[in-house]
Amino acid sequence: LRWDRQWLVVNSKGRAYTQRNEPKLALVQVQLPQQAFDDDWKPTTTSYLVLKAPAMDTLKVSLSKTCETIEGISVWEWSGSALDEGPEASEWFSNYLGKPSRLVRFNIASETRAVDPKYAPGYSTMFSDEYPFMMLSQGSLTALNELLKDPLPVNRFRPNILVDGCEPFAEDLWTEIKISKFTFSGVKLCSRCKVPTINQDNGIAGHEPTETLMKFRSDKILRPTKKPQGKVYFGQNLVCRESLSGGKGKVIKVGDPVYVLKKVSTWVEAAA
């Protein structure tokens, strides 16, 4: 998770591109050095972020170079400075998308992007939509796929924590969980946008799974006593308490057990 959502493609005005308006971004493949996920690893002059896309040459972005800072970068409600990955990256994305583009990196040294203080005061994220972590269960995905004509892979939903061994949608109700040495707070049900309808293999959008989710995962159905806003929920947003402190040894691994420490009883009680 160390490198997650650190990079962003922006237009000529510094505004974020996403798959919602540029579905071709789904086809960009990203690779980091294998050692990049070691706890104490630091980039060297031969360390690169490697990007590939259909009909494009491979782009290698140095992980160790000094970048110029550019102002006026914005994503959703946030605006600030970011690190410009340079003219080669700009040309690559401009050619791929067919319009002026730049690749920027979050400026950790000088910028902070707070999450909604209504749900998680004091926490921050980088270029993710709202929160640094999103959790989904395999049980929820399986339950949804049983209702779909064409089952969908988990990459449609982009969780960075996928859990197994629980009942479908149980994760909605978890308000505190422990993975390895870390405590995660479930702060808000994840309302889904257009992105899950985009096939990550070809960049083409359809109607599913939104149409099916609306039938049993809408706010009107899950939270009937609340004012409906036309949202559908799939997964839960998280923050990690230990992210507020420095230090090494912050590693979770595939296969780590997940302990549910606190939960609510119904979807009406869950924050959304």
Protein backbone atom coordinates (compact mmCIF):
# COMPACT_ATOMS: atom_id res chain seq x y z
CA LEU A 1 0.00 0.00 0.00
CA ARG A 2 3.05 2.25 0.29
CA TRP A 3 2.78 3.50 -3.28
CA ASP A 4 -0.99 3.42 -3.62
CA ARG A 5 -2.58 6.48 -5.32
CA GLN A 6 0.61 8.54 -5.24
CA TRP A 7 0.34 9.35 -8.96
CA LEU A 8 -2.30 11.21 -10.92
CA VAL A 9 -2.86 12.14 -14.57
CA VAL A 10 -4.12 15.70 -15.01
CA ASN A 11 -5.31 17.87 -17.89
CA SER A 12 -3.83 21.16 -19.09
CA LYS A 13 -5.52 22.98 -16.19
CA GLY A 14 -4.20 20.57 -13.57
CA ARG A 15 -7.55 18.87 -13.03
CA ALA A 16 -7.58 15.13 -12.40
CA TYR A 17 -8.41 12.68 -15.14
CA THR A 18 -10.12 9.49 -13.95
CA GLN A 19 -11.65 6.47 -15.66
CA ARG A 20 -15.01 8.22 -15.40
CA ASN A 21 -14.04 10.65 -18.15
CA GLU A 22 -11.08 8.78 -19.63
CA PRO A 23 -11.89 5.04 -19.51
CA LYS A 24 -8.73 4.28 -21.54
CA LEU A 25 -6.82 4.78 -18.30
CA ALA A 26 -8.10 1.33 -17.30
CA LEU A 27 -5.68 -0.16 -19.82
CA VAL A 28 -2.56 1.44 -18.40
CA GLN A 29 -0.52 -1.26 -16.68
CA VAL A 30 1.74 -0.28 -13.79
CA GLN A 31 4.78 -2.09 -12.44
CA LEU A 32 7.12 -1.25 -9.56
CA PRO A 33 10.39 -2.93 -8.58
CA GLN A 34 9.79 -6.08 -6.57
CA GLN A 35 11.88 -4.66 -3.72
CA ALA A 36 9.66 -1.58 -3.54
CA PHE A 37 7.43 -3.37 -1.06
CA ASP A 38 10.21 -4.20 1.38
CA ASP A 39 9.84 -2.26 4.59
CA ASP A 40 13.14 -0.35 4.48
CA TRP A 41 13.63 -0.06 0.68
CA LYS A 42 14.71 3.21 -0.85
CA PRO A 43 14.79 3.96 -4.60
CA THR A 44 18.10 4.07 -6.43
CA THR A 45 19.03 5.67 -9.75
CA THR A 46 17.92 2.48 -11.51
CA SER A 47 14.49 2.28 -9.82
CA TYR A 48 11.52 3.00 -12.07
CA LEU A 49 7.77 3.11 -12.20
CA VAL A 50 7.11 1.25 -15.47
CA LEU A 51 3.95 2.05 -17.47
CA LYS A 52 2.56 0.18 -20.45
CA ALA A 53 -0.55 0.70 -22.59
CA PRO A 54 -1.88 -0.61 -25.93
CA ALA A 55 0.04 0.69 -28.98
CA MET A 56 2.40 2.68 -26.74
CA ASP A 57 6.10 2.33 -26.05
CA THR A 58 7.01 1.50 -22.45
CA LEU A 59 7.38 4.55 -20.21
CA LYS A 60 9.92 4.42 -17.38
CA VAL A 61 9.53 7.04 -14.65
CA SER A 62 12.45 7.41 -12.26
CA LEU A 63 11.59 6.92 -8.61
CA SER A 64 14.69 8.76 -7.40
CA LYS A 65 14.93 11.92 -9.53
CA THR A 66 14.23 15.41 -8.21
CA CYS A 67 11.01 16.74 -9.72
CA GLU A 68 9.82 20.29 -10.24
CA THR A 69 6.89 21.37 -8.11
CA ILE A 70 3.84 22.65 -9.96
CA GLU A 71 0.89 24.46 -8.45
CA GLY A 72 -2.81 24.29 -9.20
CA ILE A 73 -3.29 20.52 -9.16
CA SER A 74 -6.80 19.51 -8.13
CA VAL A 75 -8.73 16.34 -7.46
CA TRP A 76 -12.31 16.59 -6.23
CA GLU A 77 -12.39 19.08 -3.34
CA TRP A 78 -8.62 19.33 -2.90
CA SER A 79 -6.12 21.57 -4.64
CA GLY A 80 -2.43 22.14 -4.06
CA SER A 81 1.01 21.48 -5.43
CA ALA A 82 2.35 18.24 -6.87
CA LEU A 83 5.59 16.90 -8.31
CA ASP A 84 5.77 16.97 -12.11
CA GLU A 85 7.13 13.73 -13.55
CA GLY A 86 8.50 15.58 -16.56
CA PRO A 87 8.08 16.12 -20.31
CA GLU A 88 8.52 12.48 -21.37
CA ALA A 89 5.67 11.33 -19.13
CA SER A 90 3.57 14.30 -20.26
CA GLU A 91 4.11 13.44 -23.92
CA TRP A 92 3.34 9.76 -23.30
CA PHE A 93 -0.03 10.43 -21.65
CA SER A 94 -0.87 13.26 -24.08
CA ASN A 95 -0.36 10.90 -27.02
CA TYR A 96 -2.24 8.07 -25.33
CA LEU A 97 -5.28 10.15 -24.38
CA GLY A 98 -5.14 12.44 -27.42
CA LYS A 99 -5.17 15.62 -25.33
CA PRO A 100 -2.69 17.63 -23.23
CA SER A 101 -1.86 15.67 -20.09
CA ARG A 102 0.71 15.50 -17.31
CA LEU A 103 1.71 12.83 -14.83
CA VAL A 104 2.14 14.19 -11.30
CA ARG A 105 3.04 12.68 -7.96
CA PHE A 106 1.68 13.64 -4.57
CA ASN A 107 3.99 16.08 -2.80
CA ILE A 108 4.30 14.30 0.53
CA ALA A 109 6.88 16.78 1.81
CA SER A 110 4.62 19.83 1.70
CA GLU A 111 1.00 18.78 1.11
CA THR A 112 -1.70 17.10 3.16
CA ARG A 113 -5.08 16.05 1.85
CA ALA A 114 -7.48 15.49 4.73
CA VAL A 115 -10.33 13.01 4.50
CA ASP A 116 -13.81 14.22 5.40
CA PRO A 117 -13.49 15.25 9.08
CA LYS A 118 -17.15 14.32 9.59
CA TYR A 119 -16.16 10.66 9.31
CA ALA A 120 -12.45 10.47 10.23
CA PRO A 121 -11.05 13.68 11.74
CA GLY A 122 -7.26 13.91 11.67
CA TYR A 123 -6.70 11.38 8.89
CA SER A 124 -5.41 12.06 5.39
CA THR A 125 -5.02 10.39 2.00
CA MET A 126 -3.27 11.13 -1.28
CA PHE A 127 -4.91 10.88 -4.72
CA SER A 128 -7.55 8.26 -3.87
CA ASP A 129 -11.17 9.34 -4.21
CA GLU A 130 -11.89 9.83 -0.53
CA TYR A 131 -10.10 7.48 1.86
CA PRO A 132 -6.76 5.65 1.91
CA PHE A 133 -8.24 2.14 2.26
CA MET A 134 -11.28 0.36 0.88
CA MET A 135 -12.23 -3.11 2.07
CA LEU A 136 -14.42 -5.65 0.32
CA SER A 137 -15.15 -9.30 1.08
CA GLN A 138 -15.03 -12.21 -1.33
CA GLY A 139 -18.43 -13.22 0.05
CA SER A 140 -19.95 -9.94 -1.14
CA LEU A 141 -18.43 -10.32 -4.60
CA THR A 142 -19.65 -13.91 -4.85
CA ALA A 143 -23.17 -12.90 -3.79
CA LEU A 144 -23.27 -10.18 -6.42
CA ASN A 145 -21.92 -12.45 -9.15
CA GLU A 146 -24.64 -14.98 -8.45
CA LEU A 147 -27.14 -12.32 -9.56
CA LEU A 148 -25.26 -11.22 -12.67
CA LYS A 149 -25.47 -12.82 -16.09
CA ASP A 150 -21.74 -12.25 -16.55
CA PRO A 151 -19.74 -12.51 -13.32
CA LEU A 152 -17.28 -9.70 -12.65
CA PRO A 153 -13.69 -9.83 -11.37
CA VAL A 154 -12.73 -7.98 -8.22
CA ASN A 155 -10.70 -5.41 -10.20
CA ARG A 156 -13.97 -3.67 -11.11
CA PHE A 157 -14.21 -2.51 -7.49
CA ARG A 158 -10.56 -1.72 -6.69
CA PRO A 159 -10.41 -2.68 -3.02
CA ASN A 160 -6.93 -2.54 -1.58
CA ILE A 161 -7.95 -4.96 1.18
CA LEU A 162 -9.93 -8.07 0.19
CA VAL A 163 -11.08 -10.37 3.00
CA ASP A 164 -12.53 -13.86 2.91
CA GLY A 165 -14.32 -16.21 5.29
CA CYS A 166 -17.21 -13.94 6.29
CA GLU A 167 -20.85 -13.70 5.29
CA PRO A 168 -21.71 -11.51 2.28
CA PHE A 169 -21.71 -7.79 3.19
CA ALA A 170 -20.62 -8.49 6.77
CA GLU A 171 -17.79 -5.99 6.25
CA ASP A 172 -20.34 -3.17 6.00
CA LEU A 173 -20.99 -3.44 9.73
CA TRP A 174 -17.40 -3.62 11.00
CA THR A 175 -16.33 -0.44 12.74
CA GLU A 176 -13.01 -1.72 14.12
CA ILE A 177 -10.82 -4.53 12.82
CA LYS A 178 -7.29 -5.69 13.44
CA ILE A 179 -4.91 -6.99 10.77
CA SER A 180 -1.40 -7.92 11.89
CA LYS A 181 -0.37 -5.17 14.35
CA PHE A 182 -2.73 -2.57 12.94
CA THR A 183 -6.17 -1.32 13.84
CA PHE A 184 -8.43 -0.15 11.04
CA SER A 185 -11.61 1.83 11.58
CA GLY A 186 -14.55 1.33 9.25
CA VAL A 187 -15.64 4.91 8.75
CA LYS A 188 -18.09 4.99 5.85
CA LEU A 189 -19.88 2.66 3.45
CA CYS A 190 -18.37 3.00 -0.02
CA SER A 191 -20.86 4.52 -2.45
CA ARG A 192 -20.05 3.39 -5.98
CA CYS A 193 -19.62 5.57 -9.04
CA LYS A 194 -19.37 4.75 -12.74
CA VAL A 195 -15.98 3.03 -12.53
CA PRO A 196 -17.27 -0.48 -11.61
CA THR A 197 -19.20 -0.47 -14.92
CA ILE A 198 -15.93 -0.12 -16.90
CA ASN A 199 -14.38 -3.33 -18.16
CA GLN A 200 -10.76 -3.19 -16.99
CA ASP A 201 -9.63 -5.35 -19.90
CA ASN A 202 -10.97 -3.17 -22.72
CA GLY A 203 -11.98 0.18 -21.19
CA ILE A 204 -15.62 -0.15 -22.31
CA ALA A 205 -18.41 0.88 -19.94
CA GLY A 206 -21.70 -0.98 -19.55
CA HIS A 207 -24.70 -0.91 -17.22
CA GLU A 208 -23.64 -3.57 -14.74
CA PRO A 209 -23.13 -4.01 -11.88
CA THR A 210 -24.89 -0.73 -11.04
CA GLU A 211 -28.31 -1.85 -12.30
CA THR A 212 -28.23 -5.00 -10.18
CA LEU A 213 -26.75 -3.26 -7.13
CA MET A 214 -29.57 -0.71 -7.22
CA LYS A 215 -32.04 -3.54 -6.65
CA PHE A 216 -30.62 -4.62 -3.30
CA ARG A 217 -27.74 -2.33 -2.28
CA SER A 218 -29.22 1.15 -2.66
CA ASP A 219 -29.45 3.59 0.23
CA LYS A 220 -33.22 3.46 -0.12
CA ILE A 221 -33.22 -0.27 0.64
CA LEU A 222 -30.37 -0.51 3.15
CA ARG A 223 -31.18 2.69 5.04
CA PRO A 224 -34.95 3.16 4.67
CA THR A 225 -35.20 5.60 7.57
CA LYS A 226 -32.61 7.94 6.03
CA LYS A 227 -33.15 10.42 3.21
CA PRO A 228 -32.43 8.60 -0.09
CA GLN A 229 -29.70 10.07 -2.29
CA GLY A 230 -29.67 7.51 -5.09
CA LYS A 231 -26.46 5.85 -3.90
CA VAL A 232 -25.42 2.21 -4.07
CA TYR A 233 -22.98 0.71 -1.59
CA PHE A 234 -20.38 -1.99 -2.10
CA GLY A 235 -17.46 -2.22 0.34
CA GLN A 236 -16.38 -0.03 3.23
CA ASN A 237 -13.88 2.82 3.52
CA LEU A 238 -11.22 2.51 6.21
CA VAL A 239 -8.51 4.49 7.96
CA CYS A 240 -5.59 2.99 9.87
CA ARG A 241 -4.88 4.33 13.35
CA GLU A 242 -1.16 3.58 13.13
CA SER A 243 -0.87 5.75 10.01
CA LEU A 244 -0.86 8.75 12.34
CA SER A 245 2.53 7.74 13.76
CA GLY A 246 5.88 7.21 12.07
CA GLY A 247 8.22 4.26 12.20
CA LYS A 248 9.01 1.08 10.32
CA GLY A 249 7.51 -2.38 10.42
CA LYS A 250 4.17 -1.37 8.95
CA VAL A 251 3.48 -4.46 6.88
CA ILE A 252 0.36 -6.51 6.26
CA LYS A 253 0.50 -9.62 4.11
CA VAL A 254 -1.84 -11.77 2.07
CA GLY A 255 -3.14 -14.44 4.44
CA ASP A 256 -3.03 -12.34 7.60
CA PRO A 257 -6.03 -13.10 9.84
CA VAL A 258 -8.63 -10.37 10.24
CA TYR A 259 -10.11 -9.83 13.70
CA VAL A 260 -13.40 -7.97 14.06
CA LEU A 261 -13.22 -5.99 17.30
CA LYS A 262 -16.33 -3.82 17.01
CA LYS A 263 -19.34 -3.72 14.75
CA VAL A 264 -22.83 -2.30 14.44
CA SER A 265 -25.96 -4.38 14.05
CA THR A 266 -27.67 -2.87 11.01
CA TRP A 267 -26.95 -0.80 7.90
CA VAL A 268 -28.98 2.04 9.37
CA GLU A 269 -26.37 2.29 12.14
CA ALA A 270 -23.45 2.19 9.72
CA ALA A 271 -21.99 5.52 8.64
CA ALA A 272 -22.63 6.36 4.98
